[in-house]
């Protein structure tokens, strides 16, 4: 079961990278819930709106799976999103800057579909990379 669940999550990410959001959304449960930084979205349509927003801001975005760990009904996907900020994002005009943002998604699988995702990613770092926020200095 763990290998099947990992394959499901890999197909989900592959669909996003191919810009086939319908394909990825078809892998979600009808009552899918996404929990992310400062927001919660519901259903496959909520997922498509979220990813559509990021693809509009980073049209060349690619999600690389760095690691997959599965146990029981859960899959942990460690990933890196890379892209160029060429469109508006949360009111921030395109900067033309390239970003690499790490993240982790914990997916709960029910009856062969992703029912729930808990996701964290370096939101602060992303906005620093596009030049909206100053980078933190490392002084000791």
N, C-alpha and C. Protein backbone atom coordinates (compact mmCIF):
# COMPACT_ATOMS: atom_id res chain seq x y z
N UNK A 1 0.82 -1.20 0.00
CA UNK A 1 0.00 0.00 0.00
C UNK A 1 0.87 1.26 0.00
N UNK A 2 1.96 1.26 0.73
CA UNK A 2 2.82 2.44 0.78
C UNK A 2 3.37 2.80 -0.59
N UNK A 3 3.78 1.79 -1.37
CA UNK A 3 4.30 2.06 -2.71
C UNK A 3 3.21 2.62 -3.62
N UNK A 4 1.99 2.12 -3.48
CA UNK A 4 0.87 2.65 -4.27
C UNK A 4 0.58 4.10 -3.91
N UNK A 5 0.62 4.41 -2.63
CA UNK A 5 0.36 5.78 -2.17
C UNK A 5 1.45 6.74 -2.65
N UNK A 6 2.69 6.28 -2.62
CA UNK A 6 3.79 7.11 -3.12
C UNK A 6 3.63 7.36 -4.62
N UNK A 7 3.24 6.32 -5.37
CA UNK A 7 3.03 6.47 -6.81
C UNK A 7 1.90 7.46 -7.09
N UNK A 8 0.85 7.44 -6.29
CA UNK A 8 -0.25 8.38 -6.43
C UNK A 8 0.24 9.82 -6.26
N UNK A 9 1.04 10.07 -5.23
CA UNK A 9 1.56 11.42 -4.99
C UNK A 9 2.52 11.85 -6.10
N UNK A 10 3.30 10.92 -6.60
CA UNK A 10 4.20 11.24 -7.71
C UNK A 10 3.38 11.64 -8.96
N UNK A 11 2.31 10.90 -9.25
CA UNK A 11 1.44 11.24 -10.39
C UNK A 11 0.80 12.62 -10.21
N UNK A 12 0.44 12.94 -8.97
CA UNK A 12 -0.16 14.23 -8.64
C UNK A 12 0.81 15.37 -9.00
N UNK A 13 2.06 15.25 -8.57
CA UNK A 13 3.08 16.26 -8.86
C UNK A 13 3.39 16.30 -10.35
N UNK A 14 3.44 15.13 -10.99
CA UNK A 14 3.71 15.07 -12.43
C UNK A 14 2.64 15.82 -13.23
N UNK A 15 1.39 15.67 -12.82
CA UNK A 15 0.31 16.38 -13.50
C UNK A 15 0.48 17.89 -13.41
N UNK A 16 0.88 18.37 -12.25
CA UNK A 16 1.13 19.81 -12.09
C UNK A 16 2.26 20.25 -13.02
N UNK A 17 3.33 19.49 -13.05
CA UNK A 17 4.48 19.85 -13.89
C UNK A 17 4.12 19.83 -15.39
N UNK A 18 3.16 19.00 -15.78
CA UNK A 18 2.72 18.96 -17.17
C UNK A 18 1.61 19.98 -17.45
N UNK A 19 1.24 20.74 -16.41
CA UNK A 19 0.18 21.76 -16.51
C UNK A 19 -1.18 21.12 -16.78
N UNK A 20 -1.33 19.88 -16.36
CA UNK A 20 -2.59 19.18 -16.52
C UNK A 20 -3.28 19.13 -15.15
N UNK A 21 -3.86 20.26 -14.76
CA UNK A 21 -4.46 20.37 -13.44
C UNK A 21 -5.68 19.47 -13.30
N UNK A 22 -6.38 19.20 -14.40
CA UNK A 22 -7.51 18.28 -14.34
C UNK A 22 -7.04 16.88 -13.97
N UNK A 23 -5.89 16.48 -14.53
CA UNK A 23 -5.33 15.16 -14.22
C UNK A 23 -4.98 15.05 -12.74
N UNK A 24 -4.33 16.07 -12.22
CA UNK A 24 -3.98 16.07 -10.79
C UNK A 24 -5.23 16.14 -9.93
N UNK A 25 -6.19 16.99 -10.30
CA UNK A 25 -7.42 17.14 -9.52
C UNK A 25 -8.21 15.84 -9.47
N UNK A 26 -8.11 15.02 -10.52
CA UNK A 26 -8.82 13.74 -10.56
C UNK A 26 -8.28 12.76 -9.51
N UNK A 27 -7.10 13.03 -8.98
CA UNK A 27 -6.51 12.17 -7.95
C UNK A 27 -6.92 12.59 -6.54
N UNK A 28 -7.72 13.66 -6.45
CA UNK A 28 -8.18 14.19 -5.16
C UNK A 28 -9.58 13.68 -4.84
N UNK A 29 -9.84 13.48 -3.55
CA UNK A 29 -11.18 13.13 -3.10
C UNK A 29 -12.10 14.33 -3.31
N UNK A 30 -13.39 14.07 -3.48
CA UNK A 30 -14.36 15.14 -3.68
C UNK A 30 -14.37 16.12 -2.52
N UNK A 31 -14.11 15.62 -1.30
CA UNK A 31 -14.10 16.49 -0.12
C UNK A 31 -12.67 16.83 0.33
N UNK A 32 -11.74 16.85 -0.63
CA UNK A 32 -10.33 17.18 -0.39
C UNK A 32 -10.20 18.49 0.38
N UNK A 33 -9.22 18.52 1.32
CA UNK A 33 -8.91 19.73 2.07
C UNK A 33 -7.40 19.95 2.01
N UNK A 34 -7.00 21.19 1.67
CA UNK A 34 -5.59 21.60 1.66
C UNK A 34 -5.40 22.61 2.77
N UNK A 35 -4.45 22.30 3.68
CA UNK A 35 -4.08 23.20 4.77
C UNK A 35 -2.70 23.74 4.44
N UNK A 36 -2.57 25.05 4.27
CA UNK A 36 -1.28 25.65 3.94
C UNK A 36 -1.04 26.89 4.76
N UNK A 37 0.07 27.57 4.49
CA UNK A 37 0.41 28.76 5.26
C UNK A 37 -0.70 29.82 5.21
N UNK A 38 -1.39 29.99 6.32
CA UNK A 38 -2.39 31.04 6.45
C UNK A 38 -3.69 30.82 5.71
N UNK A 39 -3.92 29.63 5.16
CA UNK A 39 -5.18 29.42 4.43
C UNK A 39 -5.56 27.95 4.39
N UNK A 40 -6.81 27.73 4.04
CA UNK A 40 -7.34 26.39 3.86
C UNK A 40 -8.22 26.42 2.62
N UNK A 41 -8.06 25.43 1.77
CA UNK A 41 -8.86 25.33 0.54
C UNK A 41 -9.57 23.99 0.53
N UNK A 42 -10.70 23.95 -0.17
CA UNK A 42 -11.50 22.73 -0.21
C UNK A 42 -11.81 22.32 -1.65
N UNK A 43 -11.79 21.02 -1.85
CA UNK A 43 -12.21 20.43 -3.12
C UNK A 43 -11.20 20.56 -4.23
N UNK A 44 -11.37 19.75 -5.27
CA UNK A 44 -10.47 19.81 -6.43
C UNK A 44 -10.45 21.19 -7.09
N UNK A 45 -11.57 21.91 -7.08
CA UNK A 45 -11.58 23.25 -7.69
C UNK A 45 -10.74 24.22 -6.89
N UNK A 46 -10.76 24.11 -5.57
CA UNK A 46 -9.90 24.95 -4.73
C UNK A 46 -8.44 24.69 -5.02
N UNK A 47 -8.09 23.42 -5.20
CA UNK A 47 -6.72 23.05 -5.57
C UNK A 47 -6.33 23.71 -6.89
N UNK A 48 -7.21 23.61 -7.90
CA UNK A 48 -6.89 24.16 -9.22
C UNK A 48 -6.73 25.68 -9.17
N UNK A 49 -7.51 26.35 -8.34
CA UNK A 49 -7.36 27.80 -8.20
C UNK A 49 -6.02 28.15 -7.57
N UNK A 50 -5.63 27.39 -6.55
CA UNK A 50 -4.35 27.65 -5.87
C UNK A 50 -3.18 27.45 -6.82
N UNK A 51 -3.13 26.31 -7.48
CA UNK A 51 -2.01 26.03 -8.38
C UNK A 51 -2.04 26.98 -9.57
N UNK A 52 -3.23 27.30 -10.05
CA UNK A 52 -3.35 28.27 -11.14
C UNK A 52 -2.75 29.62 -10.77
N UNK A 53 -2.95 30.05 -9.53
CA UNK A 53 -2.37 31.31 -9.06
C UNK A 53 -0.84 31.26 -9.14
N UNK A 54 -0.25 30.16 -8.68
CA UNK A 54 1.21 30.04 -8.72
C UNK A 54 1.73 29.90 -10.15
N UNK A 55 1.01 29.17 -10.99
CA UNK A 55 1.45 29.03 -12.38
C UNK A 55 1.34 30.35 -13.14
N UNK A 56 0.39 31.18 -12.76
CA UNK A 56 0.27 32.50 -13.37
C UNK A 56 1.45 33.38 -12.97
N UNK A 57 1.88 33.28 -11.72
CA UNK A 57 3.00 34.09 -11.23
C UNK A 57 4.35 33.51 -11.67
N UNK A 58 4.43 32.18 -11.76
CA UNK A 58 5.68 31.48 -12.12
C UNK A 58 5.36 30.52 -13.27
N UNK A 59 5.19 31.01 -14.49
CA UNK A 59 4.73 30.15 -15.59
C UNK A 59 5.69 29.00 -15.94
N UNK A 60 6.96 29.13 -15.56
CA UNK A 60 7.92 28.06 -15.82
C UNK A 60 8.16 27.18 -14.59
N UNK A 61 7.27 27.26 -13.60
CA UNK A 61 7.44 26.53 -12.34
C UNK A 61 7.55 25.03 -12.58
N UNK A 62 8.51 24.43 -11.90
CA UNK A 62 8.68 22.98 -11.90
C UNK A 62 8.82 22.54 -10.45
N UNK A 63 8.08 21.51 -10.09
CA UNK A 63 8.16 20.92 -8.76
C UNK A 63 9.02 19.67 -8.84
N UNK A 64 10.09 19.66 -8.09
CA UNK A 64 10.98 18.50 -8.04
C UNK A 64 10.74 17.76 -6.73
N UNK A 65 10.46 16.48 -6.82
CA UNK A 65 10.32 15.68 -5.60
C UNK A 65 11.72 15.30 -5.15
N UNK A 66 12.06 15.74 -3.94
CA UNK A 66 13.37 15.46 -3.37
C UNK A 66 13.36 14.17 -2.55
N UNK A 67 12.20 13.85 -1.95
CA UNK A 67 12.09 12.63 -1.16
C UNK A 67 10.62 12.29 -0.97
N UNK A 68 10.33 11.01 -0.88
CA UNK A 68 8.98 10.50 -0.61
C UNK A 68 9.08 9.47 0.50
N UNK A 69 8.27 9.63 1.53
CA UNK A 69 8.25 8.68 2.64
C UNK A 69 6.79 8.32 2.88
N UNK A 70 6.50 7.03 2.98
CA UNK A 70 5.11 6.60 3.19
C UNK A 70 5.01 5.63 4.34
N UNK A 71 3.92 5.79 5.09
CA UNK A 71 3.60 4.84 6.14
C UNK A 71 2.10 4.89 6.36
N UNK A 72 1.49 3.73 6.33
CA UNK A 72 0.05 3.67 6.51
C UNK A 72 -0.67 4.46 5.43
N UNK A 73 -1.57 5.35 5.85
CA UNK A 73 -2.34 6.15 4.88
C UNK A 73 -1.71 7.51 4.60
N UNK A 74 -0.46 7.72 5.04
CA UNK A 74 0.19 9.02 4.88
C UNK A 74 1.41 8.93 3.96
N UNK A 75 1.61 10.00 3.18
CA UNK A 75 2.80 10.15 2.36
C UNK A 75 3.38 11.54 2.63
N UNK A 76 4.67 11.58 2.92
CA UNK A 76 5.37 12.85 3.09
C UNK A 76 6.21 13.08 1.84
N UNK A 77 5.96 14.20 1.19
CA UNK A 77 6.70 14.58 -0.01
C UNK A 77 7.52 15.82 0.30
N UNK A 78 8.83 15.67 0.23
CA UNK A 78 9.73 16.82 0.34
C UNK A 78 10.00 17.26 -1.08
N UNK A 79 9.79 18.56 -1.37
CA UNK A 79 9.87 19.04 -2.75
C UNK A 79 10.55 20.40 -2.81
N UNK A 80 10.94 20.77 -4.01
CA UNK A 80 11.46 22.10 -4.27
C UNK A 80 10.74 22.64 -5.50
N UNK A 81 10.20 23.85 -5.37
CA UNK A 81 9.56 24.54 -6.50
C UNK A 81 10.57 25.54 -7.06
N UNK A 82 10.78 25.49 -8.37
CA UNK A 82 11.68 26.43 -9.03
C UNK A 82 10.93 27.12 -10.15
N UNK A 83 11.17 28.43 -10.29
CA UNK A 83 10.52 29.16 -11.37
C UNK A 83 10.96 30.61 -11.38
N UNK A 84 10.48 31.32 -12.39
CA UNK A 84 10.80 32.73 -12.58
C UNK A 84 9.54 33.54 -12.34
N UNK A 85 9.66 34.56 -11.52
CA UNK A 85 8.52 35.39 -11.14
C UNK A 85 8.17 36.34 -12.29
N UNK A 86 7.27 35.89 -13.17
CA UNK A 86 6.92 36.64 -14.37
C UNK A 86 5.50 37.20 -14.35
N UNK A 87 4.76 36.94 -13.28
CA UNK A 87 3.39 37.43 -13.16
C UNK A 87 3.11 37.88 -11.75
N UNK A 88 2.00 38.59 -11.58
CA UNK A 88 1.61 39.12 -10.27
C UNK A 88 1.35 37.98 -9.29
N UNK A 89 1.78 38.17 -8.04
CA UNK A 89 1.55 37.21 -6.97
C UNK A 89 1.16 37.97 -5.72
N UNK A 90 -0.06 37.77 -5.26
CA UNK A 90 -0.55 38.42 -4.04
C UNK A 90 -0.31 39.92 -4.05
N UNK A 91 -0.57 40.55 -5.19
CA UNK A 91 -0.41 41.99 -5.31
C UNK A 91 1.00 42.45 -5.61
N UNK A 92 1.93 41.52 -5.75
CA UNK A 92 3.33 41.85 -6.03
C UNK A 92 3.57 41.69 -7.53
N UNK A 93 3.99 42.77 -8.17
CA UNK A 93 4.26 42.75 -9.62
C UNK A 93 5.44 41.83 -9.93
N UNK A 94 5.46 41.33 -11.16
CA UNK A 94 6.53 40.45 -11.61
C UNK A 94 7.89 41.11 -11.41
N UNK A 95 8.83 40.33 -10.88
CA UNK A 95 10.19 40.84 -10.63
C UNK A 95 11.20 40.29 -11.64
N UNK A 96 10.84 39.21 -12.34
CA UNK A 96 11.77 38.57 -13.26
C UNK A 96 12.82 37.74 -12.54
N UNK A 97 12.71 37.62 -11.24
CA UNK A 97 13.70 36.87 -10.46
C UNK A 97 13.37 35.38 -10.41
N UNK A 98 14.43 34.60 -10.40
CA UNK A 98 14.30 33.14 -10.29
C UNK A 98 14.25 32.77 -8.82
N UNK A 99 13.39 31.82 -8.48
CA UNK A 99 13.28 31.36 -7.10
C UNK A 99 13.42 29.84 -7.03
N UNK A 100 13.88 29.39 -5.90
CA UNK A 100 13.88 27.97 -5.54
C UNK A 100 13.36 27.91 -4.12
N UNK A 101 12.18 27.31 -3.95
CA UNK A 101 11.49 27.33 -2.66
C UNK A 101 11.26 25.89 -2.20
N UNK A 102 11.80 25.52 -1.03
CA UNK A 102 11.58 24.17 -0.51
C UNK A 102 10.24 24.07 0.22
N UNK A 103 9.68 22.85 0.20
CA UNK A 103 8.43 22.62 0.92
C UNK A 103 8.25 21.16 1.27
N UNK A 104 7.26 20.93 2.13
CA UNK A 104 6.92 19.57 2.54
C UNK A 104 5.40 19.46 2.55
N UNK A 105 4.88 18.39 1.96
CA UNK A 105 3.45 18.12 1.97
C UNK A 105 3.23 16.76 2.62
N UNK A 106 2.32 16.72 3.58
CA UNK A 106 1.90 15.46 4.19
C UNK A 106 0.50 15.17 3.66
N UNK A 107 0.39 14.11 2.88
CA UNK A 107 -0.88 13.74 2.25
C UNK A 107 -1.49 12.55 2.96
N UNK A 108 -2.81 12.61 3.16
CA UNK A 108 -3.55 11.48 3.70
C UNK A 108 -4.35 10.87 2.55
N UNK A 109 -4.16 9.57 2.36
CA UNK A 109 -4.77 8.86 1.24
C UNK A 109 -5.96 8.04 1.75
N UNK A 110 -7.09 8.17 1.06
CA UNK A 110 -8.29 7.40 1.40
C UNK A 110 -8.86 6.84 0.10
N UNK A 111 -9.01 5.54 0.05
CA UNK A 111 -9.61 4.85 -1.11
C UNK A 111 -8.95 5.26 -2.43
N UNK A 112 -7.61 5.33 -2.43
CA UNK A 112 -6.86 5.60 -3.65
C UNK A 112 -6.88 7.04 -4.11
N UNK A 113 -7.30 7.96 -3.25
CA UNK A 113 -7.31 9.39 -3.59
C UNK A 113 -6.69 10.19 -2.44
N UNK A 114 -6.17 11.36 -2.80
CA UNK A 114 -5.63 12.25 -1.77
C UNK A 114 -6.80 12.97 -1.14
N UNK A 115 -7.01 12.73 0.15
CA UNK A 115 -8.15 13.31 0.86
C UNK A 115 -7.78 14.62 1.56
N UNK A 116 -6.52 14.74 1.95
CA UNK A 116 -6.11 15.91 2.73
C UNK A 116 -4.62 16.12 2.59
N UNK A 117 -4.24 17.38 2.47
CA UNK A 117 -2.82 17.76 2.45
C UNK A 117 -2.57 18.80 3.53
N UNK A 118 -1.47 18.60 4.24
CA UNK A 118 -0.93 19.62 5.15
C UNK A 118 0.40 20.03 4.53
N UNK A 119 0.53 21.30 4.20
CA UNK A 119 1.71 21.74 3.45
C UNK A 119 2.37 22.94 4.12
N UNK A 120 3.69 22.89 4.17
CA UNK A 120 4.49 24.03 4.61
C UNK A 120 5.55 24.27 3.55
N UNK A 121 5.82 25.54 3.28
CA UNK A 121 6.88 25.89 2.35
C UNK A 121 7.45 27.23 2.78
N UNK A 122 8.61 27.56 2.25
CA UNK A 122 9.31 28.77 2.66
C UNK A 122 8.70 30.00 2.00
N UNK A 123 7.53 30.37 2.48
CA UNK A 123 6.79 31.51 1.98
C UNK A 123 7.59 32.81 2.17
N UNK A 124 8.18 32.98 3.34
CA UNK A 124 9.00 34.16 3.62
C UNK A 124 10.18 34.23 2.66
N UNK A 125 10.88 33.12 2.50
CA UNK A 125 12.02 33.07 1.58
C UNK A 125 11.62 33.38 0.16
N UNK A 126 10.43 32.90 -0.27
CA UNK A 126 9.95 33.17 -1.62
C UNK A 126 9.79 34.68 -1.83
N UNK A 127 9.15 35.35 -0.88
CA UNK A 127 8.96 36.80 -1.03
C UNK A 127 10.27 37.57 -0.91
N UNK A 128 11.22 37.05 -0.15
CA UNK A 128 12.55 37.67 -0.12
C UNK A 128 13.24 37.51 -1.47
N UNK A 129 13.14 36.33 -2.07
CA UNK A 129 13.79 36.08 -3.36
C UNK A 129 13.21 36.93 -4.49
N UNK A 130 11.91 37.24 -4.43
CA UNK A 130 11.34 38.07 -5.49
C UNK A 130 11.52 39.56 -5.18
N UNK A 131 12.15 39.87 -4.02
CA UNK A 131 12.53 41.24 -3.73
C UNK A 131 11.49 42.04 -2.99
N UNK A 132 10.46 41.41 -2.47
CA UNK A 132 9.42 42.12 -1.73
C UNK A 132 9.82 42.40 -0.30
N UNK A 133 10.56 41.50 0.30
CA UNK A 133 11.00 41.63 1.68
C UNK A 133 12.52 41.58 1.73
N UNK A 134 13.12 42.31 2.67
CA UNK A 134 14.59 42.24 2.76
C UNK A 134 15.03 40.86 3.28
N UNK A 135 16.17 40.43 2.80
CA UNK A 135 16.73 39.16 3.28
C UNK A 135 17.23 39.35 4.71
N UNK A 136 17.10 38.32 5.50
CA UNK A 136 17.60 38.38 6.87
C UNK A 136 19.11 38.24 6.87
N UNK A 137 19.77 39.02 7.71
CA UNK A 137 21.23 38.88 7.79
C UNK A 137 21.56 37.89 8.90
N UNK A 138 22.61 37.13 8.68
CA UNK A 138 23.05 36.14 9.66
C UNK A 138 24.21 36.72 10.45
N UNK A 139 23.89 37.43 11.49
CA UNK A 139 24.96 37.97 12.35
C UNK A 139 24.97 37.23 13.67
N UNK A 140 26.15 36.92 14.12
CA UNK A 140 26.28 36.14 15.36
C UNK A 140 26.90 37.00 16.42
